[in-house]
């Protein structure tokens, strides 16, 4: 069986050897650039691991796995434009290095290239794989729209937020696993168990990301703490705090959300103090652990020997043990 690191290496080698067109360079250079500046290749590696779990041909899964990675990077290019982000993986974002129009068009061609790579899936499962992929692609767009909608709102419910991160983040992880399982010959039941494993884990991953933005060690997590607070991001921490706060605390939080001129450090400090007084960190950690256990239950139900599940159990543990 392949390990996660071996699957990541296979994907990276495959991507390194893709021959994209040279003309026009303004269209294809950004594609080469975004695929060259890093990324853990987690989603395509999951395609390979799920395929390998069912003793499928990993070589036949390389093209569809690459389709997932190209699609994922396409969403990052467009998200960076919408968020006006200047850095991605420590490098200039595509629209900063070139411009918005080039960012939009190079992202567009990536979405089309992803479909082209996906079409190299084995014929027996091509239609099913394509259906999952296109459904997931639409869901990711829906999730991004919800995320942008939330930026204009003061309050968001827990259910609304969970639905948003399910669509924006979790379904692509889930689809990667399901597609990999189908490529490996998994039954419909097992392919669905893989999907639900990935979805629960993906939601837990995003909640942990929210937690790390506020409480993570900046040297280990790679971000300055509290940027979600500064940007008024409707994370689960803020949503839970507004739900649990007394009248005074809620008034303070709403004042910070509505403030246009403020000291970022003071805002972060005051909001974290409210979080701490309400035990928000512990409540979010409890929710993450519940989702993690749900994910493991789905993995346990797979009709495969335990030794074939080892890498996915290890992957789940890896995601949940990022340094804080």
Protein backbone atom coordinates (compact mmCIF):
# COMPACT_ATOMS: atom_id res chain seq x y z
CA UNK A 1 0.00 0.00 0.00
CA UNK A 2 1.06 3.57 -0.65
CA UNK A 3 1.62 5.98 2.22
CA UNK A 4 0.28 9.53 2.15
CA UNK A 5 3.75 10.90 1.46
CA UNK A 6 4.28 8.42 -1.39
CA UNK A 7 0.92 9.36 -2.91
CA UNK A 8 1.79 13.05 -2.61
CA UNK A 9 5.10 12.41 -4.35
CA UNK A 10 3.40 10.54 -7.19
CA UNK A 11 1.01 13.44 -7.74
CA UNK A 12 3.78 16.02 -7.58
CA UNK A 13 5.84 14.13 -10.14
CA UNK A 14 2.81 13.82 -12.41
CA UNK A 15 2.08 17.55 -12.19
CA UNK A 16 5.73 18.43 -12.78
CA UNK A 17 5.60 16.53 -16.06
CA UNK A 18 2.44 18.10 -17.46
CA UNK A 19 3.14 19.89 -20.74
CA UNK A 20 0.89 22.91 -20.84
CA UNK A 21 0.64 24.96 -24.06
CA UNK A 22 3.14 27.79 -24.41
CA UNK A 23 0.87 30.26 -26.21
CA UNK A 24 -0.48 32.61 -25.16
CA UNK A 25 1.91 32.83 -22.20
CA UNK A 26 -0.39 35.24 -20.35
CA UNK A 27 -2.96 32.43 -20.15
CA UNK A 28 -0.77 29.46 -19.33
CA UNK A 29 2.12 30.94 -17.33
CA UNK A 30 -0.21 31.69 -14.38
CA UNK A 31 -1.45 28.09 -14.50
CA UNK A 32 2.12 26.79 -14.30
CA UNK A 33 2.88 29.33 -11.59
CA UNK A 34 0.02 28.48 -9.20
CA UNK A 35 0.79 24.76 -9.56
CA UNK A 36 4.48 25.34 -8.88
CA UNK A 37 4.38 27.37 -5.66
CA UNK A 38 3.60 24.56 -3.28
CA UNK A 39 0.55 22.97 -1.77
CA UNK A 40 0.38 19.67 0.07
CA UNK A 41 -1.51 17.86 -2.75
CA UNK A 42 -3.78 16.36 -0.10
CA UNK A 43 -6.91 16.01 -2.23
CA UNK A 44 -5.32 14.21 -5.18
CA UNK A 45 -3.31 12.06 -2.78
CA UNK A 46 -6.60 10.98 -1.22
CA UNK A 47 -7.82 9.89 -4.65
CA UNK A 48 -4.79 7.62 -4.94
CA UNK A 49 -5.04 6.29 -1.37
CA UNK A 50 -8.73 5.44 -1.75
CA UNK A 51 -8.07 3.76 -5.10
CA UNK A 52 -5.17 1.81 -3.61
CA UNK A 53 -7.30 0.74 -0.64
CA UNK A 54 -9.47 -1.27 -3.03
CA UNK A 55 -6.46 -2.62 -4.93
CA UNK A 56 -7.19 -0.48 -7.95
CA UNK A 57 -4.56 0.70 -10.43
CA UNK A 58 -3.06 3.86 -8.99
CA UNK A 59 -1.59 4.72 -12.40
CA UNK A 60 -5.10 4.89 -13.87
CA UNK A 61 -6.10 7.27 -11.06
CA UNK A 62 -3.34 9.82 -11.69
CA UNK A 63 -5.22 11.83 -14.32
CA UNK A 64 -8.47 12.16 -12.35
CA UNK A 65 -6.47 12.92 -9.21
CA UNK A 66 -4.65 15.67 -11.10
CA UNK A 67 -8.04 17.00 -12.25
CA UNK A 68 -9.01 17.43 -8.59
CA UNK A 69 -5.80 19.35 -7.86
CA UNK A 70 -6.11 21.63 -10.88
CA UNK A 71 -9.74 22.37 -9.97
CA UNK A 72 -8.75 23.11 -6.36
CA UNK A 73 -6.08 25.56 -7.49
CA UNK A 74 -8.53 27.19 -9.89
CA UNK A 75 -10.80 27.95 -6.92
CA UNK A 76 -7.84 29.45 -5.04
CA UNK A 77 -7.00 31.78 -7.93
CA UNK A 78 -10.55 33.10 -8.08
CA UNK A 79 -10.96 33.20 -4.29
CA UNK A 80 -7.82 35.32 -4.01
CA UNK A 81 -9.27 37.83 -6.48
CA UNK A 82 -12.56 38.03 -4.59
CA UNK A 83 -10.78 38.32 -1.22
CA UNK A 84 -8.20 40.78 -2.60
CA UNK A 85 -5.48 38.54 -1.15
CA UNK A 86 -1.89 39.44 -1.96
CA UNK A 87 -0.16 36.24 -0.87
CA UNK A 88 -0.79 32.55 -1.47
CA UNK A 89 1.61 30.03 0.08
CA UNK A 90 3.98 32.90 0.83
CA UNK A 91 4.13 34.01 -2.81
CA UNK A 92 2.34 36.68 -4.81
CA UNK A 93 -1.18 35.67 -5.81
CA UNK A 94 -1.84 35.33 -9.54
CA UNK A 95 -3.83 38.55 -9.83
CA UNK A 96 -1.09 40.50 -8.04
CA UNK A 97 1.72 39.01 -10.12
CA UNK A 98 -0.26 39.65 -13.34
CA UNK A 99 -3.66 41.34 -13.04
CA UNK A 100 -7.32 40.56 -12.30
CA UNK A 101 -8.28 39.82 -15.89
CA UNK A 102 -5.44 37.34 -16.32
CA UNK A 103 -6.32 35.79 -12.97
CA UNK A 104 -9.93 35.30 -14.03
CA UNK A 105 -9.12 33.86 -17.44
CA UNK A 106 -6.30 31.58 -16.28
CA UNK A 107 -8.64 30.29 -13.58
CA UNK A 108 -11.28 29.65 -16.21
CA UNK A 109 -8.92 27.61 -18.33
CA UNK A 110 -7.87 25.61 -15.27
CA UNK A 111 -11.47 24.58 -14.68
CA UNK A 112 -11.66 23.38 -18.29
CA UNK A 113 -8.31 21.59 -18.07
CA UNK A 114 -9.55 19.82 -14.94
CA UNK A 115 -12.45 18.38 -16.95
CA UNK A 116 -10.06 17.30 -19.67
CA UNK A 117 -7.89 15.40 -17.19
CA UNK A 118 -10.97 13.86 -15.59
CA UNK A 119 -12.04 12.51 -18.97
CA UNK A 120 -9.05 10.18 -18.81
CA UNK A 121 -10.78 8.16 -16.11
CA UNK A 122 -11.42 4.49 -16.99
CA UNK A 123 -14.50 4.17 -19.18
CA UNK A 124 -16.38 1.88 -16.80
CA UNK A 125 -16.66 4.61 -14.16
CA UNK A 126 -16.14 7.75 -16.27
CA UNK A 127 -19.77 8.89 -16.23
CA UNK A 128 -20.17 8.32 -12.49
CA UNK A 129 -16.88 10.04 -11.69
CA UNK A 130 -17.81 12.96 -13.91
CA UNK A 131 -21.20 13.30 -12.21
CA UNK A 132 -19.58 13.44 -8.77
CA UNK A 133 -17.01 15.94 -9.96
CA UNK A 134 -19.48 18.33 -11.56
CA UNK A 135 -21.88 18.15 -8.61
CA UNK A 136 -18.99 18.94 -6.28
CA UNK A 137 -17.77 21.80 -8.47
CA UNK A 138 -21.19 23.43 -8.30
CA UNK A 139 -21.30 22.95 -4.53
CA UNK A 140 -17.90 24.60 -4.06
CA UNK A 141 -19.18 27.64 -5.98
CA UNK A 142 -22.30 27.69 -3.81
CA UNK A 143 -20.14 27.60 -0.70
CA UNK A 144 -18.01 30.51 -1.90
CA UNK A 145 -21.15 32.56 -2.60
CA UNK A 146 -22.48 31.86 0.89
CA UNK A 147 -19.13 32.89 2.35
CA UNK A 148 -19.30 36.20 0.49
CA UNK A 149 -22.92 36.66 1.58
CA UNK A 150 -21.89 36.23 5.21
CA UNK A 151 -19.37 39.06 4.91
CA UNK A 152 -22.28 41.48 4.55
CA UNK A 153 -24.15 40.15 7.57
CA UNK A 154 -23.52 40.85 11.26
CA UNK A 155 -24.78 37.49 12.45
CA UNK A 156 -24.78 33.97 10.99
CA UNK A 157 -26.24 30.85 12.58
CA UNK A 158 -24.21 27.74 13.40
CA UNK A 159 -26.20 25.67 10.90
CA UNK A 160 -25.62 28.25 8.16
CA UNK A 161 -21.90 28.31 8.85
CA UNK A 162 -21.54 24.53 8.93
CA UNK A 163 -23.41 24.30 5.62
CA UNK A 164 -21.10 26.92 4.10
CA UNK A 165 -17.87 25.16 5.10
CA UNK A 166 -19.34 21.82 4.08
CA UNK A 167 -19.83 23.16 0.57
CA UNK A 168 -16.74 25.33 0.29
CA UNK A 169 -14.22 22.95 1.85
CA UNK A 170 -15.49 19.54 2.91
CA UNK A 171 -17.25 18.28 -0.22
CA UNK A 172 -14.08 18.39 -2.33
CA UNK A 173 -12.22 16.27 0.23
CA UNK A 174 -15.21 13.91 0.33
CA UNK A 175 -15.46 13.72 -3.46
CA UNK A 176 -11.72 13.02 -3.77
CA UNK A 177 -12.10 9.95 -1.57
CA UNK A 178 -15.29 8.76 -3.26
CA UNK A 179 -13.83 9.15 -6.74
CA UNK A 180 -10.70 7.30 -5.66
CA UNK A 181 -12.77 4.48 -4.22
CA UNK A 182 -14.80 4.18 -7.43
CA UNK A 183 -11.64 4.12 -9.52
CA UNK A 184 -10.42 1.27 -7.32
CA UNK A 185 -13.62 -0.74 -7.73
CA UNK A 186 -15.39 0.10 -4.46
CA UNK A 187 -19.05 -0.80 -4.06
CA UNK A 188 -21.58 2.03 -3.96
CA UNK A 189 -21.93 1.53 -0.20
CA UNK A 190 -18.19 1.75 0.42
CA UNK A 191 -17.81 4.73 -1.90
CA UNK A 192 -20.49 6.53 0.11
CA UNK A 193 -18.82 5.65 3.42
CA UNK A 194 -15.62 7.19 2.05
CA UNK A 195 -17.56 10.30 1.08
CA UNK A 196 -19.08 10.73 4.54
CA UNK A 197 -15.71 10.08 6.17
CA UNK A 198 -14.21 12.87 4.09
CA UNK A 199 -17.10 15.28 4.65
CA UNK A 200 -17.02 14.99 8.45
CA UNK A 201 -13.24 15.27 8.44
CA UNK A 202 -13.34 18.27 6.10
CA UNK A 203 -15.74 20.17 8.37
CA UNK A 204 -13.59 19.34 11.39
CA UNK A 205 -10.52 20.53 9.47
CA UNK A 206 -12.08 23.93 8.75
CA UNK A 207 -13.24 24.37 12.35
CA UNK A 208 -9.71 23.60 13.45
CA UNK A 209 -8.45 26.17 10.95
CA UNK A 210 -10.75 28.75 12.57
CA UNK A 211 -9.38 27.80 15.97
CA UNK A 212 -5.77 28.00 14.85
CA UNK A 213 -6.28 31.46 13.35
CA UNK A 214 -7.03 32.75 16.84
CA UNK A 215 -5.10 30.39 19.12
CA UNK A 216 -2.42 28.86 16.90
CA UNK A 217 1.30 29.32 17.37
CA UNK A 218 2.24 31.76 14.57
CA UNK A 219 5.68 30.18 14.16
CA UNK A 220 4.12 26.78 13.55
CA UNK A 221 0.85 27.73 11.86
CA UNK A 222 2.39 30.31 9.54
CA UNK A 223 -0.12 33.10 10.21
CA UNK A 224 -0.35 36.09 12.48
CA UNK A 225 -3.03 35.26 15.09
CA UNK A 226 -6.37 37.00 15.02
CA UNK A 227 -6.68 37.96 11.37
CA UNK A 228 -10.18 36.45 11.20
CA UNK A 229 -11.15 38.72 14.10
CA UNK A 230 -9.68 41.78 12.40
CA UNK A 231 -11.50 40.94 9.16
CA UNK A 232 -14.85 40.24 10.89
CA UNK A 233 -14.88 36.67 9.55
CA UNK A 234 -17.98 34.83 10.71
CA UNK A 235 -16.11 31.86 12.12
CA UNK A 236 -17.61 29.31 14.48
CA UNK A 237 -15.76 31.02 17.34
CA UNK A 238 -17.54 34.32 16.74
CA UNK A 239 -20.89 32.66 16.04
CA UNK A 240 -20.71 30.62 19.26
CA UNK A 241 -19.59 33.66 21.26
CA UNK A 242 -22.52 35.76 20.04
CA UNK A 243 -24.85 32.89 20.90
CA UNK A 244 -23.49 32.37 24.43
CA UNK A 245 -22.65 35.97 25.38
CA UNK A 246 -24.54 37.95 27.99
CA UNK A 247 -25.96 41.36 27.05
CA UNK A 248 -22.76 43.27 27.88
CA UNK A 249 -20.48 40.85 26.03
CA UNK A 250 -22.77 40.75 23.00
CA UNK A 251 -22.85 44.54 22.88
CA UNK A 252 -19.03 44.63 22.95
CA UNK A 253 -18.76 42.08 20.14
CA UNK A 254 -21.29 43.90 17.98
CA UNK A 255 -19.45 47.19 18.55
CA UNK A 256 -16.25 45.63 17.28
CA UNK A 257 -18.04 44.12 14.29
CA UNK A 258 -19.48 47.50 13.34
CA UNK A 259 -16.33 49.55 14.05
CA UNK A 260 -14.62 51.00 10.97
CA UNK A 261 -11.71 52.78 12.66
CA UNK A 262 -9.93 50.68 15.27
CA UNK A 263 -6.60 49.41 16.59
CA UNK A 264 -6.29 45.81 15.29
CA UNK A 265 -4.27 44.62 18.28
CA UNK A 266 -6.79 46.07 20.72
CA UNK A 267 -9.66 44.47 18.82
CA UNK A 268 -8.02 41.04 18.79
CA UNK A 269 -7.14 41.29 22.48
CA UNK A 270 -10.66 42.31 23.57
CA UNK A 271 -12.45 39.73 21.42
CA UNK A 272 -10.17 36.90 22.60
CA UNK A 273 -10.84 37.92 26.20
CA UNK A 274 -14.56 37.47 25.55
CA UNK A 275 -13.89 34.13 23.83
CA UNK A 276 -11.86 32.97 26.84
CA UNK A 277 -14.51 34.05 29.35
CA UNK A 278 -17.08 31.97 27.44
CA UNK A 279 -14.80 28.91 27.03
CA UNK A 280 -15.19 29.17 23.26
CA UNK A 281 -11.94 27.35 22.53
CA UNK A 282 -13.02 24.31 24.54
CA UNK A 283 -16.49 24.29 22.94
CA UNK A 284 -15.07 24.35 19.42
CA UNK A 285 -12.53 21.66 20.29
CA UNK A 286 -15.41 19.49 21.54
CA UNK A 287 -17.26 19.98 18.24
CA UNK A 288 -14.12 19.10 16.29
CA UNK A 289 -13.67 15.90 18.30
CA UNK A 290 -17.30 14.90 17.66
CA UNK A 291 -16.82 15.33 13.91
CA UNK A 292 -13.52 13.43 14.05
CA UNK A 293 -15.21 10.49 15.80
CA UNK A 294 -18.02 10.55 13.23
CA UNK A 295 -15.45 10.42 10.45
CA UNK A 296 -13.72 7.42 12.04
CA UNK A 297 -17.05 5.60 12.38
CA UNK A 298 -17.57 5.83 8.62
CA UNK A 299 -14.03 4.63 7.98
CA UNK A 300 -14.52 1.69 10.34
CA UNK A 301 -17.65 0.61 8.40
CA UNK A 302 -15.72 0.17 5.14
CA UNK A 303 -15.76 -3.41 3.90
CA UNK A 304 -11.99 -3.66 3.84
CA UNK A 305 -9.44 -5.38 6.10
CA UNK A 306 -8.07 -3.15 8.84
CA UNK A 307 -4.60 -3.13 7.32
CA UNK A 308 -6.05 -1.55 4.13
CA UNK A 309 -7.46 1.36 6.17
CA UNK A 310 -4.24 2.24 7.98
CA UNK A 311 -3.25 5.18 5.79
CA UNK A 312 -6.64 6.86 5.98
CA UNK A 313 -6.70 6.48 9.77
CA UNK A 314 -3.22 8.02 9.81
CA UNK A 315 -4.39 10.82 7.51
CA UNK A 316 -7.29 11.66 9.82
CA UNK A 317 -4.95 11.78 12.80
CA UNK A 318 -2.52 13.95 10.83
CA UNK A 319 -5.21 16.50 10.02
CA UNK A 320 -6.38 16.72 13.60
CA UNK A 321 -2.93 17.09 15.15
CA UNK A 322 -1.71 20.23 13.43
CA UNK A 323 0.39 22.25 15.84
CA UNK A 324 -1.34 24.88 17.93
